[in-house]
Amino acid sequence: RRLGPLALPADDGEPAVTLVLELDRSELPGGRVDHEVEAEVPAELAPAAERALRALCARAGVPWRSAPSKAARLFAALEEGTVGPTAASRAKGIASPPAT
């Protein structure tokens, strides 16, 4: 889902930063479901955008934290053994031999 464009205030005295937020839900092996908010901004706006997002999270009572990439979380779930080897091979893009 997309939300925006939104004009979010950054620090006191700074102009608002306009962002489009992506609200993602990722279903991982083992029944794990992650939710995250993403925003892509040009490098020159990144510091102000981060301050604006941190302030928004603080106002909403949502803790701020960075997360590993979706791929890293997927492979970590696969390494934890939450799925069988066939599903793990498919997720990693490795062909499984046909069953005999």
PDB file of N, CA and C in Angstrom:
ATOM      1  N   ARG A   1       0.827  -1.179   0.000  1.00  0.00           N
ATOM      2  CA  ARG A   1       0.000   0.000   0.000  1.00  0.00           C
ATOM      3  C   ARG A   1       0.867   1.235   0.000  1.00  0.00           C
ATOM      4  N   ARG A   2       0.388   2.229  -0.665  1.00  0.00           N
ATOM      5  CA  ARG A   2       1.086   3.516  -0.709  1.00  0.00           C
ATOM      6  C   ARG A   2       0.271   4.536   0.061  1.00  0.00           C
ATOM      7  N   LEU A   3       0.976   5.422   0.720  1.00  0.00           N
ATOM      8  CA  LEU A   3       0.346   6.483   1.471  1.00  0.00           C
ATOM      9  C   LEU A   3       1.091   7.767   1.143  1.00  0.00           C
ATOM     10  N   GLY A   4       0.382   8.706   0.579  1.00  0.00           N
ATOM     11  CA  GLY A   4       1.018   9.979   0.286  1.00  0.00           C
ATOM     12  C   GLY A   4       0.765  10.425  -1.126  1.00  0.00           C
ATOM     13  N   PRO A   5       1.363  11.534  -1.445  1.00  0.00           N
ATOM     14  CA  PRO A   5       2.445  12.212  -0.747  1.00  0.00           C
ATOM     15  C   PRO A   5       1.964  12.891   0.548  1.00  0.00           C
ATOM     16  N   LEU A   6       2.833  12.840   1.555  1.00  0.00           N
ATOM     17  CA  LEU A   6       2.575  13.437   2.854  1.00  0.00           C
ATOM     18  C   LEU A   6       3.634  14.493   3.127  1.00  0.00           C
ATOM     19  N   ALA A   7       3.219  15.636   3.638  1.00  0.00           N
ATOM     20  CA  ALA A   7       4.163  16.678   4.056  1.00  0.00           C
ATOM     21  C   ALA A   7       4.366  16.509   5.556  1.00  0.00           C
ATOM     22  N   LEU A   8       5.524  15.988   5.938  1.00  0.00           N
ATOM     23  CA  LEU A   8       5.824  15.730   7.344  1.00  0.00           C
ATOM     24  C   LEU A   8       6.787  16.782   7.869  1.00  0.00           C
ATOM     25  N   PRO A   9       6.486  17.372   9.038  1.00  0.00           N
ATOM     26  CA  PRO A   9       7.437  18.322   9.611  1.00  0.00           C
ATOM     27  C   PRO A   9       8.689  17.596  10.067  1.00  0.00           C
ATOM     28  N   ALA A  10       9.819  18.211   9.809  1.00  0.00           N
ATOM     29  CA  ALA A  10      11.089  17.645  10.294  1.00  0.00           C
ATOM     30  C   ALA A  10      11.351  18.268  11.658  1.00  0.00           C
ATOM     31  N   ASP A  11      12.514  18.804  11.887  1.00  0.00           N
ATOM     32  CA  ASP A  11      12.822  19.467  13.144  1.00  0.00           C
ATOM     33  C   ASP A  11      12.188  20.854  13.184  1.00  0.00           C
ATOM     34  N   ASP A  12      12.149  21.430  14.385  1.00  0.00           N
ATOM     35  CA  ASP A  12      11.644  22.793  14.536  1.00  0.00           C
ATOM     36  C   ASP A  12      12.416  23.730  13.622  1.00  0.00           C
ATOM     37  N   GLY A  13      11.680  24.537  12.897  1.00  0.00           N
ATOM     38  CA  GLY A  13      12.315  25.519  12.031  1.00  0.00           C
ATOM     39  C   GLY A  13      12.660  25.006  10.643  1.00  0.00           C
ATOM     40  N   GLU A  14      12.578  23.703  10.427  1.00  0.00           N
ATOM     41  CA  GLU A  14      12.871  23.151   9.099  1.00  0.00           C
ATOM     42  C   GLU A  14      11.584  23.047   8.293  1.00  0.00           C
ATOM     43  N   PRO A  15      11.690  23.189   6.986  1.00  0.00           N
ATOM     44  CA  PRO A  15      10.488  22.999   6.158  1.00  0.00           C
ATOM     45  C   PRO A  15      10.047  21.534   6.184  1.00  0.00           C
ATOM     46  N   ALA A  16       8.782  21.320   5.874  1.00  0.00           N
ATOM     47  CA  ALA A  16       8.247  19.956   5.826  1.00  0.00           C
ATOM     48  C   ALA A  16       8.928  19.169   4.710  1.00  0.00           C
ATOM     49  N   VAL A  17       8.990  17.868   4.906  1.00  0.00           N
ATOM     50  CA  VAL A  17       9.546  16.950   3.911  1.00  0.00           C
ATOM     51  C   VAL A  17       8.371  16.195   3.305  1.00  0.00           C
ATOM     52  N   THR A  18       8.287  16.178   1.990  1.00  0.00           N
ATOM     53  CA  THR A  18       7.197  15.462   1.323  1.00  0.00           C
ATOM     54  C   THR A  18       7.667  14.053   0.979  1.00  0.00           C
ATOM     55  N   LEU A  19       6.936  13.067   1.489  1.00  0.00           N
ATOM     56  CA  LEU A  19       7.296  11.659   1.306  1.00  0.00           C
ATOM     57  C   LEU A  19       6.096  10.848   0.841  1.00  0.00           C
ATOM     58  N   VAL A  20       6.383   9.776   0.134  1.00  0.00           N
ATOM     59  CA  VAL A  20       5.397   8.729  -0.145  1.00  0.00           C
ATOM     60  C   VAL A  20       5.865   7.516   0.650  1.00  0.00           C
ATOM     61  N   LEU A  21       4.994   6.993   1.495  1.00  0.00           N
ATOM     62  CA  LEU A  21       5.336   5.847   2.325  1.00  0.00           C
ATOM     63  C   LEU A  21       4.761   4.579   1.720  1.00  0.00           C
ATOM     64  N   GLU A  22       5.521   3.508   1.815  1.00  0.00           N
ATOM     65  CA  GLU A  22       5.068   2.181   1.405  1.00  0.00           C
ATOM     66  C   GLU A  22       4.844   1.376   2.671  1.00  0.00           C
ATOM     67  N   LEU A  23       3.662   0.836   2.833  1.00  0.00           N
ATOM     68  CA  LEU A  23       3.340   0.000   3.981  1.00  0.00           C
ATOM     69  C   LEU A  23       3.375  -1.445   3.496  1.00  0.00           C
ATOM     70  N   ASP A  24       4.343  -2.203   3.990  1.00  0.00           N
ATOM     71  CA  ASP A  24       4.563  -3.568   3.506  1.00  0.00           C
ATOM     72  C   ASP A  24       4.229  -4.598   4.567  1.00  0.00           C
ATOM     73  N   ARG A  25       3.732  -5.728   4.083  1.00  0.00           N
ATOM     74  CA  ARG A  25       3.511  -6.904   4.911  1.00  0.00           C
ATOM     75  C   ARG A  25       4.254  -8.039   4.227  1.00  0.00           C
ATOM     76  N   SER A  26       5.161  -8.666   4.948  1.00  0.00           N
ATOM     77  CA  SER A  26       5.941  -9.771   4.393  1.00  0.00           C
ATOM     78  C   SER A  26       5.625 -11.038   5.165  1.00  0.00           C
ATOM     79  N   GLU A  27       5.207 -12.073   4.449  1.00  0.00           N
ATOM     80  CA  GLU A  27       4.956 -13.369   5.066  1.00  0.00           C
ATOM     81  C   GLU A  27       6.185 -14.232   4.830  1.00  0.00           C
ATOM     82  N   LEU A  28       6.799 -14.671   5.920  1.00  0.00           N
ATOM     83  CA  LEU A  28       8.031 -15.448   5.856  1.00  0.00           C
ATOM     84  C   LEU A  28       7.757 -16.881   6.283  1.00  0.00           C
ATOM     85  N   PRO A  29       8.689 -17.775   5.998  1.00  0.00           N
ATOM     86  CA  PRO A  29       8.524 -19.168   6.416  1.00  0.00           C
ATOM     87  C   PRO A  29       8.311 -19.277   7.928  1.00  0.00           C
ATOM     88  N   GLY A  30       7.622 -20.321   8.314  1.00  0.00           N
ATOM     89  CA  GLY A  30       7.379 -20.565   9.733  1.00  0.00           C
ATOM     90  C   GLY A  30       6.235 -19.745  10.287  1.00  0.00           C
ATOM     91  N   GLY A  31       5.440 -19.110   9.417  1.00  0.00           N
ATOM     92  CA  GLY A  31       4.300 -18.334   9.868  1.00  0.00           C
ATOM     93  C   GLY A  31       4.649 -16.927  10.337  1.00  0.00           C
ATOM     94  N   ARG A  32       5.892 -16.520  10.186  1.00  0.00           N
ATOM     95  CA  ARG A  32       6.304 -15.176  10.620  1.00  0.00           C
ATOM     96  C   ARG A  32       5.761 -14.125   9.656  1.00  0.00           C
ATOM     97  N   VAL A  33       5.198 -13.069  10.206  1.00  0.00           N
ATOM     98  CA  VAL A  33       4.684 -11.956   9.405  1.00  0.00           C
ATOM     99  C   VAL A  33       5.348 -10.679   9.909  1.00  0.00           C
ATOM    100  N   ASP A  34       6.006  -9.962   9.016  1.00  0.00           N
ATOM    101  CA  ASP A  34       6.647  -8.690   9.346  1.00  0.00           C
ATOM    102  C   ASP A  34       5.871  -7.561   8.680  1.00  0.00           C
ATOM    103  N   HIS A  35       5.773  -6.445   9.383  1.00  0.00           N
ATOM    104  CA  HIS A  35       5.182  -5.223   8.836  1.00  0.00           C
ATOM    105  C   HIS A  35       6.249  -4.143   8.886  1.00  0.00           C
ATOM    106  N   GLU A  36       6.311  -3.323   7.846  1.00  0.00           N
ATOM    107  CA  GLU A  36       7.298  -2.255   7.825  1.00  0.00           C
ATOM    108  C   GLU A  36       6.793  -1.074   7.013  1.00  0.00           C
ATOM    109  N   VAL A  37       7.390   0.061   7.292  1.00  0.00           N
ATOM    110  CA  VAL A  37       7.123   1.284   6.546  1.00  0.00           C
ATOM    111  C   VAL A  37       8.414   1.650   5.831  1.00  0.00           C
ATOM    112  N   GLU A  38       8.310   1.913   4.548  1.00  0.00           N
ATOM    113  CA  GLU A  38       9.473   2.285   3.756  1.00  0.00           C
ATOM    114  C   GLU A  38       9.228   3.636   3.101  1.00  0.00           C
ATOM    115  N   ALA A  39      10.298   4.381   2.943  1.00  0.00           N
ATOM    116  CA  ALA A  39      10.254   5.633   2.187  1.00  0.00           C
ATOM    117  C   ALA A  39      11.542   5.721   1.394  1.00  0.00           C
ATOM    118  N   GLU A  40      11.430   6.024   0.118  1.00  0.00           N
ATOM    119  CA  GLU A  40      12.614   6.225  -0.709  1.00  0.00           C
ATOM    120  C   GLU A  40      12.716   7.705  -1.007  1.00  0.00           C
ATOM    121  N   VAL A  41      13.898   8.253  -0.733  1.00  0.00           N
ATOM    122  CA  VAL A  41      14.114   9.682  -0.930  1.00  0.00           C
ATOM    123  C   VAL A  41      15.470   9.901  -1.576  1.00  0.00           C
ATOM    124  N   PRO A  42      15.643  11.041  -2.259  1.00  0.00           N
ATOM    125  CA  PRO A  42      16.976  11.367  -2.778  1.00  0.00           C
ATOM    126  C   PRO A  42      17.957  11.531  -1.618  1.00  0.00           C
ATOM    127  N   ALA A  43      19.209  11.242  -1.865  1.00  0.00           N
ATOM    128  CA  ALA A  43      20.238  11.271  -0.816  1.00  0.00           C
ATOM    129  C   ALA A  43      20.265  12.601  -0.068  1.00  0.00           C
ATOM    130  N   GLU A  44      20.076  13.700  -0.769  1.00  0.00           N
ATOM    131  CA  GLU A  44      20.159  15.004  -0.095  1.00  0.00           C
ATOM    132  C   GLU A  44      19.002  15.243   0.878  1.00  0.00           C
ATOM    133  N   LEU A  45      17.894  14.509   0.716  1.00  0.00           N
ATOM    134  CA  LEU A  45      16.752  14.661   1.630  1.00  0.00           C
ATOM    135  C   LEU A  45      16.756  13.620   2.750  1.00  0.00           C
ATOM    136  N   ALA A  46      17.670  12.656   2.690  1.00  0.00           N
ATOM    137  CA  ALA A  46      17.642  11.547   3.655  1.00  0.00           C
ATOM    138  C   ALA A  46      17.724  11.991   5.111  1.00  0.00           C
ATOM    139  N   PRO A  47      18.621  12.891   5.497  1.00  0.00           N
ATOM    140  CA  PRO A  47      18.673  13.283   6.913  1.00  0.00           C
ATOM    141  C   PRO A  47      17.369  13.930   7.403  1.00  0.00           C
ATOM    142  N   ALA A  48      16.818  14.857   6.621  1.00  0.00           N
ATOM    143  CA  ALA A  48      15.568  15.512   7.018  1.00  0.00           C
ATOM    144  C   ALA A  48      14.412  14.515   7.013  1.00  0.00           C
ATOM    145  N   ALA A  49      14.391  13.600   6.031  1.00  0.00           N
ATOM    146  CA  ALA A  49      13.326  12.593   5.971  1.00  0.00           C
ATOM    147  C   ALA A  49      13.392  11.671   7.186  1.00  0.00           C
ATOM    148  N   GLU A  50      14.600  11.274   7.582  1.00  0.00           N
ATOM    149  CA  GLU A  50      14.730  10.414   8.761  1.00  0.00           C
ATOM    150  C   GLU A  50      14.242  11.130  10.017  1.00  0.00           C
ATOM    151  N   ARG A  51      14.618  12.407  10.172  1.00  0.00           N
ATOM    152  CA  ARG A  51      14.154  13.164  11.341  1.00  0.00           C
ATOM    153  C   ARG A  51      12.634  13.274  11.349  1.00  0.00           C
ATOM    154  N   ALA A  52      12.043  13.519  10.168  1.00  0.00           N
ATOM    155  CA  ALA A  52      10.586  13.636  10.078  1.00  0.00           C
ATOM    156  C   ALA A  52       9.906  12.306  10.409  1.00  0.00           C
ATOM    157  N   LEU A  53      10.453  11.199   9.920  1.00  0.00           N
ATOM    158  CA  LEU A  53       9.865   9.885  10.201  1.00  0.00           C
ATOM    159  C   LEU A  53      10.036   9.499  11.666  1.00  0.00           C
ATOM    160  N   ARG A  54      11.184   9.814  12.247  1.00  0.00           N
ATOM    161  CA  ARG A  54      11.385   9.535  13.674  1.00  0.00           C
ATOM    162  C   ARG A  54      10.390  10.325  14.519  1.00  0.00           C
ATOM    163  N   ALA A  55      10.170  11.585  14.152  1.00  0.00           N
ATOM    164  CA  ALA A  55       9.207  12.415  14.889  1.00  0.00           C
ATOM    165  C   ALA A  55       7.795  11.860  14.742  1.00  0.00           C
ATOM    166  N   LEU A  56       7.433  11.429  13.540  1.00  0.00           N
ATOM    167  CA  LEU A  56       6.113  10.843  13.315  1.00  0.00           C
ATOM    168  C   LEU A  56       5.932   9.591  14.166  1.00  0.00           C
ATOM    169  N   CYS A  57       6.927   8.721  14.176  1.00  0.00           N
ATOM    170  CA  CYS A  57       6.847   7.501  14.985  1.00  0.00           C
ATOM    171  C   CYS A  57       6.729   7.833  16.466  1.00  0.00           C
ATOM    172  N   ALA A  58       7.487   8.817  16.928  1.00  0.00           N
ATOM    173  CA  ALA A  58       7.427   9.206  18.340  1.00  0.00           C
ATOM    174  C   ALA A  58       6.037   9.715  18.695  1.00  0.00           C
ATOM    175  N   ARG A  59       5.453  10.532  17.829  1.00  0.00           N
ATOM    176  CA  ARG A  59       4.092  11.042  18.091  1.00  0.00           C
ATOM    177  C   ARG A  59       3.072   9.918  18.109  1.00  0.00           C
ATOM    178  N   ALA A  60       3.299   8.896  17.292  1.00  0.00           N
ATOM    179  CA  ALA A  60       2.360   7.771  17.203  1.00  0.00           C
ATOM    180  C   ALA A  60       2.621   6.698  18.252  1.00  0.00           C
ATOM    181  N   GLY A  61       3.722   6.834  19.008  1.00  0.00           N
ATOM    182  CA  GLY A  61       4.057   5.822  20.014  1.00  0.00           C
ATOM    183  C   GLY A  61       4.607   4.537  19.417  1.00  0.00           C
ATOM    184  N   VAL A  62       5.188   4.646  18.226  1.00  0.00           N
ATOM    185  CA  VAL A  62       5.751   3.483  17.544  1.00  0.00           C
ATOM    186  C   VAL A  62       7.269   3.536  17.681  1.00  0.00           C
ATOM    187  N   PRO A  63       7.878   2.479  18.221  1.00  0.00           N
ATOM    188  CA  PRO A  63       9.338   2.520  18.374  1.00  0.00           C
ATOM    189  C   PRO A  63      10.043   2.528  17.015  1.00  0.00           C
ATOM    190  N   TRP A  64      11.099   3.305  16.928  1.00  0.00           N
ATOM    191  CA  TRP A  64      11.900   3.387  15.705  1.00  0.00           C
ATOM    192  C   TRP A  64      12.974   2.313  15.743  1.00  0.00           C
ATOM    193  N   ARG A  65      13.107   1.575  14.667  1.00  0.00           N
ATOM    194  CA  ARG A  65      14.226   0.646  14.567  1.00  0.00           C
ATOM    195  C   ARG A  65      14.464   0.321  13.106  1.00  0.00           C
ATOM    196  N   SER A  66      15.700   0.101  12.797  1.00  0.00           N
ATOM    197  CA  SER A  66      16.068  -0.314  11.451  1.00  0.00           C
ATOM    198  C   SER A  66      15.913  -1.827  11.375  1.00  0.00           C
ATOM    199  N   ALA A  67      15.697  -2.305  10.186  1.00  0.00           N
ATOM    200  CA  ALA A  67      15.507  -3.750  10.000  1.00  0.00           C
ATOM    201  C   ALA A  67      16.420  -4.244   8.889  1.00  0.00           C
ATOM    202  N   PRO A  68      16.832  -5.501   8.994  1.00  0.00           N
ATOM    203  CA  PRO A  68      17.572  -6.089   7.871  1.00  0.00           C
ATOM    204  C   PRO A  68      16.667  -6.153   6.637  1.00  0.00           C
ATOM    205  N   SER A  69      17.261  -6.316   5.489  1.00  0.00           N
ATOM    206  CA  SER A  69      16.479  -6.404   4.250  1.00  0.00           C
ATOM    207  C   SER A  69      15.538  -7.604   4.293  1.00  0.00           C
ATOM    208  N   LYS A  70      14.535  -7.567   3.426  1.00  0.00           N
ATOM    209  CA  LYS A  70      13.598  -8.699   3.338  1.00  0.00           C
ATOM    210  C   LYS A  70      14.341  -9.984   2.972  1.00  0.00           C
ATOM    211  N   ALA A  71      15.291  -9.866   2.050  1.00  0.00           N
ATOM    212  CA  ALA A  71      16.056 -11.054   1.639  1.00  0.00           C
ATOM    213  C   ALA A  71      16.823 -11.620   2.829  1.00  0.00           C
ATOM    214  N   ALA A  72      17.451 -10.762   3.620  1.00  0.00           N
ATOM    215  CA  ALA A  72      18.205 -11.237   4.785  1.00  0.00           C
ATOM    216  C   ALA A  72      17.281 -11.924   5.784  1.00  0.00           C
ATOM    217  N   ARG A  73      16.082 -11.356   5.980  1.00  0.00           N
ATOM    218  CA  ARG A  73      15.126 -11.983   6.914  1.00  0.00           C
ATOM    219  C   ARG A  73      14.634 -13.319   6.383  1.00  0.00           C
ATOM    220  N   LEU A  74      14.420 -13.412   5.060  1.00  0.00           N
ATOM    221  CA  LEU A  74      13.985 -14.676   4.459  1.00  0.00           C
ATOM    222  C   LEU A  74      15.052 -15.744   4.654  1.00  0.00           C
ATOM    223  N   PHE A  75      16.289 -15.424   4.312  1.00  0.00           N
ATOM    224  CA  PHE A  75      17.348 -16.425   4.426  1.00  0.00           C
ATOM    225  C   PHE A  75      17.603 -16.808   5.880  1.00  0.00           C
ATOM    226  N   ALA A  76      17.443 -15.864   6.801  1.00  0.00           N
ATOM    227  CA  ALA A  76      17.586 -16.193   8.226  1.00  0.00           C
ATOM    228  C   ALA A  76      16.506 -17.171   8.651  1.00  0.00           C
ATOM    229  N   ALA A  77      15.263 -16.962   8.184  1.00  0.00           N
ATOM    230  CA  ALA A  77      14.173 -17.878   8.513  1.00  0.00           C
ATOM    231  C   ALA A  77      14.442 -19.259   7.924  1.00  0.00           C
ATOM    232  N   LEU A  78      14.996 -19.296   6.712  1.00  0.00           N
ATOM    233  CA  LEU A  78      15.304 -20.579   6.088  1.00  0.00           C
ATOM    234  C   LEU A  78      16.407 -21.302   6.856  1.00  0.00           C
ATOM    235  N   GLU A  79      17.413 -20.568   7.305  1.00  0.00           N
ATOM    236  CA  GLU A  79      18.505 -21.178   8.061  1.00  0.00           C
ATOM    237  C   GLU A  79      18.072 -21.664   9.435  1.00  0.00           C
ATOM    238  N   GLU A  80      17.014 -21.050   9.990  1.00  0.00           N
ATOM    239  CA  GLU A  80      16.500 -21.489  11.289  1.00  0.00           C
ATOM    240  C   GLU A  80      15.785 -22.835  11.181  1.00  0.00           C
ATOM    241  N   GLY A  81      15.623 -23.313   9.962  1.00  0.00           N
ATOM    242  CA  GLY A  81      15.004 -24.620   9.779  1.00  0.00           C
ATOM    243  C   GLY A  81      13.498 -24.614   9.907  1.00  0.00           C
ATOM    244  N   THR A  82      12.881 -23.476   9.618  1.00  0.00           N
ATOM    245  CA  THR A  82      11.434 -23.397   9.758  1.00  0.00           C
ATOM    246  C   THR A  82      10.701 -23.972   8.553  1.00  0.00           C
ATOM    247  N   VAL A  83      11.448 -24.302   7.497  1.00  0.00           N
ATOM    248  CA  VAL A  83      10.830 -24.929   6.324  1.00  0.00           C
ATOM    249  C   VAL A  83      11.694 -26.096   5.890  1.00  0.00           C
ATOM    250  N   GLY A  84      11.119 -26.983   5.125  1.00  0.00           N
ATOM    251  CA  GLY A  84      11.855 -28.135   4.633  1.00  0.00           C
ATOM    252  C   GLY A  84      12.835 -27.761   3.539  1.00  0.00           C
ATOM    253  N   PRO A  85      13.743 -28.669   3.174  1.00  0.00           N
ATOM    254  CA  PRO A  85      14.774 -28.360   2.183  1.00  0.00           C
ATOM    255  C   PRO A  85      14.225 -28.040   0.806  1.00  0.00           C
ATOM    256  N   THR A  86      13.112 -28.644   0.410  1.00  0.00           N
ATOM    257  CA  THR A  86      12.561 -28.347  -0.912  1.00  0.00           C
ATOM    258  C   THR A  86      12.092 -26.905  -0.983  1.00  0.00           C
ATOM    259  N   ALA A  87      11.360 -26.452   0.034  1.00  0.00           N
ATOM    260  CA  ALA A  87      10.896 -25.068   0.052  1.00  0.00           C
ATOM    261  C   ALA A  87      12.075 -24.113   0.149  1.00  0.00           C
ATOM    262  N   ALA A  88      13.081 -24.478   0.923  1.00  0.00           N
ATOM    263  CA  ALA A  88      14.267 -23.636   1.051  1.00  0.00           C
ATOM    264  C   ALA A  88      14.967 -23.503  -0.295  1.00  0.00           C
ATOM    265  N   SER A  89      15.081 -24.613  -1.035  1.00  0.00           N
ATOM    266  CA  SER A  89      15.723 -24.572  -2.346  1.00  0.00           C
ATOM    267  C   SER A  89      14.948 -23.684  -3.299  1.00  0.00           C
ATOM    268  N   ARG A  90      13.623 -23.778  -3.280  1.00  0.00           N
ATOM    269  CA  ARG A  90      12.804 -22.938  -4.148  1.00  0.00           C
ATOM    270  C   ARG A  90      13.002 -21.467  -3.803  1.00  0.00           C
ATOM    271  N   ALA A  91      13.022 -21.148  -2.519  1.00  0.00           N
ATOM    272  CA  ALA A  91      13.174 -19.762  -2.100  1.00  0.00           C
ATOM    273  C   ALA A  91      14.527 -19.203  -2.501  1.00  0.00           C
ATOM    274  N   LYS A  92      15.553 -20.052  -2.506  1.00  0.00           N
ATOM    275  CA  LYS A  92      16.891 -19.596  -2.891  1.00  0.00           C
ATOM    276  C   LYS A  92      17.101 -19.681  -4.400  1.00  0.00           C
ATOM    277  N   GLY A  93      16.103 -20.168  -5.143  1.00  0.00           N
ATOM    278  CA  GLY A  93      16.208 -20.246  -6.586  1.00  0.00           C
ATOM    279  C   GLY A  93      16.968 -21.468  -7.060  1.00  0.00           C
ATOM    280  N   ILE A  94      17.051 -22.489  -6.246  1.00  0.00           N
ATOM    281  CA  ILE A  94      17.766 -23.712  -6.604  1.00  0.00           C
ATOM    282  C   ILE A  94      16.727 -24.765  -6.994  1.00  0.00           C
ATOM    283  N   ALA A  95      16.928 -25.373  -8.124  1.00  0.00           N
ATOM    284  CA  ALA A  95      15.992 -26.398  -8.574  1.00  0.00           C
ATOM    285  C   ALA A  95      16.146 -27.652  -7.724  1.00  0.00           C
ATOM    286  N   SER A  96      15.050 -28.252  -7.357  1.00  0.00           N
ATOM    287  CA  SER A  96      15.072 -29.499  -6.621  1.00  0.00           C
ATOM    288  C   SER A  96      14.964 -30.657  -7.606  1.00  0.00           C
ATOM    289  N   PRO A  97      15.672 -31.753  -7.349  1.00  0.00           N
ATOM    290  CA  PRO A  97      15.524 -32.901  -8.245  1.00  0.00           C
ATOM    291  C   PRO A  97      14.117 -33.488  -8.112  1.00  0.00           C
ATOM    292  N   PRO A  98      13.595 -34.070  -9.172  1.00  0.00           N
ATOM    293  CA  PRO A  98      12.266 -34.660  -9.093  1.00  0.00           C
ATOM    294  C   PRO A  98      12.261 -35.822  -8.113  1.00  0.00           C
ATOM    295  N   ALA A  99      11.123 -36.013  -7.470  1.00  0.00           N
ATOM    296  CA  ALA A  99      10.987 -37.126  -6.524  1.00  0.00           C
ATOM    297  C   ALA A  99      11.008 -38.432  -7.292  1.00  0.00           C
ATOM    298  N   THR A 100      11.615 -39.477  -6.710  1.00  0.00           N
ATOM    299  CA  THR A 100      11.684 -40.777  -7.389  1.00  0.00           C
ATOM    300  C   THR A 100      10.854 -41.787  -6.671  1.00  0.00           C
TER     301      THR A 100
END
